Amino acid sequence: MSNHEHRDNAHQPTKRKEMSRRQFLAYTLGGTSAFLAAGPVLPMIRFAVDPLLAEKAETAYVKVVEESKLTAEPQEFKFKIHQVDGWYESDPQIAAWISKDQQGNVLALSPICKHLGCTIDWNTKNDNQYYCPCHEAKYSPDGKNLSVAPNPLDEYDVRLQDGFVYLGPIKPNTRV
């Protein structure tokens, strides 16, 4: 290529790359489809994510029983709590085994066995222990695991107010 030819090529206008009709239709239809699909999808995403973004309410304490009715031997008391699980609200009835120790402190234990989740019972016939009928797990009166179960029974957070026992959230056993 001579210098003269090179100069002629340098002064020629650059050729623009134009969009074909097929590309134009593909881009237009793709953009319109994405816009129309976003209409129903965005509310579904909002519906799924909204409960996660809601502020968590502090766990309320529930009035369960008069303190004067408690004894050293555990008694089962049933009570209702209000719970919100995403969009579902319910008032399930749950139970607690409540007793007083020798110092007069109130202990409220969860009735759920830590072995496989069965419901425990207080066994006065044998050794005054909590007993799980599913796999014969045994617990001491303060919830310590004696056989089969790997962990002690969980306990409720307890508040005493105006002569009544109020139970809060379940927490790991702090006495054993």
Protein backbone atom coordinates (compact mmCIF):
# COMPACT_ATOMS: atom_id res chain seq x y z
CA MET A 1 0.00 0.00 0.00
CA SER A 2 1.49 3.28 -1.03
CA ASN A 3 1.41 6.50 0.92
CA HIS A 4 -1.15 7.89 -1.43
CA GLU A 5 -3.58 5.01 -0.90
CA HIS A 6 -3.10 5.19 2.83
CA ARG A 7 -4.04 8.87 2.87
CA ASP A 8 -7.17 8.22 0.82
CA ASN A 9 -8.33 5.55 3.26
CA ALA A 10 -7.73 7.84 6.20
CA HIS A 11 -10.08 10.50 4.81
CA GLN A 12 -12.94 8.15 4.07
CA PRO A 13 -15.82 8.37 6.50
CA THR A 14 -16.10 5.49 8.97
CA LYS A 15 -18.90 3.16 8.22
CA ARG A 16 -21.55 3.12 10.94
CA LYS A 17 -22.74 -0.20 12.24
CA GLU A 18 -26.49 -0.09 11.98
CA MET A 19 -29.04 -2.17 13.83
CA SER A 20 -31.03 -4.59 11.75
CA ARG A 21 -34.79 -4.82 11.99
CA ARG A 22 -34.47 -8.23 13.60
CA GLN A 23 -32.19 -6.85 16.36
CA PHE A 24 -34.52 -3.90 16.92
CA LEU A 25 -37.54 -6.17 17.34
CA ALA A 26 -35.61 -8.55 19.62
CA TYR A 27 -34.49 -5.69 21.91
CA THR A 28 -37.93 -4.08 21.94
CA LEU A 29 -39.81 -7.30 22.67
CA GLY A 30 -37.26 -8.39 25.29
CA GLY A 31 -37.45 -5.06 27.12
CA THR A 32 -41.25 -4.97 27.00
CA SER A 33 -41.46 -8.57 28.25
CA ALA A 34 -39.11 -7.83 31.15
CA PHE A 35 -41.12 -4.74 32.08
CA LEU A 36 -44.43 -6.63 31.98
CA ALA A 37 -43.01 -9.58 33.95
CA ALA A 38 -41.80 -7.23 36.70
CA GLY A 39 -45.39 -6.15 37.37
CA PRO A 40 -46.56 -9.38 39.01
CA VAL A 41 -43.13 -10.50 40.27
CA LEU A 42 -42.27 -7.44 42.39
CA PRO A 43 -45.36 -7.70 44.64
CA MET A 44 -44.61 -11.40 45.16
CA ILE A 45 -41.07 -10.58 46.25
CA ARG A 46 -42.39 -7.88 48.57
CA PHE A 47 -44.93 -10.33 50.02
CA ALA A 48 -42.18 -12.87 50.75
CA VAL A 49 -39.62 -10.43 52.15
CA ASP A 50 -41.87 -8.07 54.15
CA PRO A 51 -42.10 -10.25 57.32
CA LEU A 52 -38.31 -10.37 57.45
CA LEU A 53 -38.10 -6.58 57.38
CA ALA A 54 -40.70 -6.03 60.11
CA GLU A 55 -39.38 -4.98 63.50
CA LYS A 56 -39.30 -7.78 66.03
CA ALA A 57 -41.59 -7.13 68.97
CA GLU A 58 -40.23 -7.76 72.43
CA THR A 59 -41.47 -11.04 73.84
CA ALA A 60 -44.41 -10.45 76.13
CA TYR A 61 -44.70 -12.12 79.49
CA VAL A 62 -47.88 -14.13 80.09
CA LYS A 63 -49.72 -14.33 83.42
CA VAL A 64 -49.93 -18.03 84.31
CA VAL A 65 -50.76 -18.70 87.96
CA GLU A 66 -50.95 -17.15 91.43
CA GLU A 67 -47.69 -17.53 93.31
CA SER A 68 -49.55 -18.81 96.39
CA LYS A 69 -50.69 -21.94 94.47
CA LEU A 70 -47.12 -23.14 93.85
CA THR A 71 -45.60 -25.99 95.84
CA ALA A 72 -42.26 -27.80 95.97
CA GLU A 73 -43.75 -30.54 93.81
CA PRO A 74 -43.94 -29.47 90.14
CA GLN A 75 -47.40 -28.83 88.70
CA GLU A 76 -48.33 -28.52 85.05
CA PHE A 77 -49.96 -25.24 84.04
CA LYS A 78 -51.33 -24.53 80.58
CA PHE A 79 -51.54 -21.04 79.13
CA LYS A 80 -52.00 -19.34 75.76
CA ILE A 81 -49.54 -17.09 73.99
CA HIS A 82 -50.05 -14.86 70.97
CA GLN A 83 -47.56 -15.57 68.23
CA VAL A 84 -46.99 -14.09 64.80
CA ASP A 85 -45.21 -16.30 62.29
CA GLY A 86 -44.79 -14.32 59.09
CA TRP A 87 -48.35 -13.59 57.98
CA TYR A 88 -49.94 -16.21 60.25
CA GLU A 89 -51.17 -15.22 63.71
CA SER A 90 -52.26 -17.80 66.25
CA ASP A 91 -52.89 -18.32 69.97
CA PRO A 92 -51.52 -21.80 70.77
CA GLN A 93 -51.90 -23.35 74.19
CA ILE A 94 -48.59 -24.38 75.71
CA ALA A 95 -47.59 -25.82 79.06
CA ALA A 96 -44.98 -25.37 81.76
CA TRP A 97 -44.00 -27.36 84.84
CA ILE A 98 -43.76 -24.82 87.67
CA SER A 99 -42.47 -25.37 91.21
CA LYS A 100 -40.70 -23.59 94.06
CA ASP A 101 -37.30 -24.65 95.35
CA GLN A 102 -36.29 -24.69 99.04
CA GLN A 103 -35.26 -21.02 98.92
CA GLY A 104 -38.67 -20.03 97.52
CA ASN A 105 -37.40 -19.32 93.98
CA VAL A 106 -39.83 -20.15 91.20
CA LEU A 107 -38.69 -22.59 88.50
CA ALA A 108 -40.69 -23.06 85.30
CA LEU A 109 -39.54 -25.83 82.96
CA SER A 110 -40.51 -26.62 79.40
CA PRO A 111 -42.36 -29.94 79.00
CA ILE A 112 -40.44 -30.84 75.82
CA CYS A 113 -37.95 -33.69 76.20
CA LYS A 114 -34.49 -32.85 74.89
CA HIS A 115 -34.03 -36.35 73.49
CA LEU A 116 -36.58 -36.44 70.67
CA GLY A 117 -39.16 -33.78 71.55
CA CYS A 118 -41.81 -35.85 73.31
CA THR A 119 -43.82 -34.40 76.20
CA ILE A 120 -42.54 -35.20 79.68
CA ASP A 121 -44.59 -35.89 82.79
CA TRP A 122 -43.94 -35.71 86.53
CA ASN A 123 -43.56 -39.19 87.98
CA THR A 124 -44.39 -39.30 91.69
CA LYS A 125 -44.63 -43.11 91.89
CA ASN A 126 -40.93 -43.88 91.53
CA ASP A 127 -38.30 -41.26 92.20
CA ASN A 128 -40.01 -37.87 92.00
CA GLN A 129 -38.47 -37.17 88.60
CA TYR A 130 -39.64 -35.93 85.26
CA TYR A 131 -40.19 -38.87 82.97
CA CYS A 132 -40.49 -39.09 79.18
CA PRO A 133 -42.67 -42.05 78.14
CA CYS A 134 -41.27 -42.19 74.59
CA HIS A 135 -37.74 -43.40 75.36
CA GLU A 136 -37.64 -43.39 79.17
CA ALA A 137 -35.57 -40.24 79.56
CA LYS A 138 -35.43 -38.99 83.15
CA TYR A 139 -34.80 -35.54 84.59
CA SER A 140 -34.28 -34.27 88.14
CA PRO A 141 -36.76 -31.75 89.65
CA ASP A 142 -34.51 -28.89 88.50
CA GLY A 143 -34.42 -30.25 84.93
CA LYS A 144 -31.01 -31.95 84.94
CA ASN A 145 -30.82 -34.83 82.47
CA LEU A 146 -30.31 -38.13 84.31
CA SER A 147 -30.66 -40.73 81.57
CA VAL A 148 -31.02 -40.96 77.79
CA ALA A 149 -31.48 -37.22 77.04
CA PRO A 150 -28.32 -35.33 76.01
CA ASN A 151 -29.27 -31.96 77.57
CA PRO A 152 -31.25 -30.62 80.55
CA LEU A 153 -34.81 -29.34 80.14
CA ASP A 154 -35.15 -25.75 78.99
CA GLU A 155 -36.65 -23.22 81.37
CA TYR A 156 -38.93 -20.23 80.99
CA ASP A 157 -37.85 -16.75 81.98
CA VAL A 158 -39.87 -16.02 85.15
CA ARG A 159 -41.14 -12.73 86.58
CA LEU A 160 -43.10 -12.32 89.80
CA GLN A 161 -45.45 -9.36 89.90
CA ASP A 162 -48.44 -8.56 92.14
CA GLY A 163 -48.55 -12.12 93.51
CA PHE A 164 -48.68 -13.76 90.05
CA VAL A 165 -46.14 -15.75 88.06
CA TYR A 166 -45.45 -14.43 84.55
CA LEU A 167 -43.59 -16.55 82.03
CA GLY A 168 -41.48 -15.17 79.19
CA PRO A 169 -39.36 -16.78 76.49
CA ILE A 170 -37.76 -20.20 76.80
CA LYS A 171 -34.02 -20.22 77.49
CA PRO A 172 -31.41 -22.90 78.22
CA ASN A 173 -31.46 -24.23 81.77
CA THR A 174 -29.30 -22.04 84.04
CA ARG A 175 -29.63 -24.12 87.23
CA VAL A 176 -27.77 -27.25 86.15
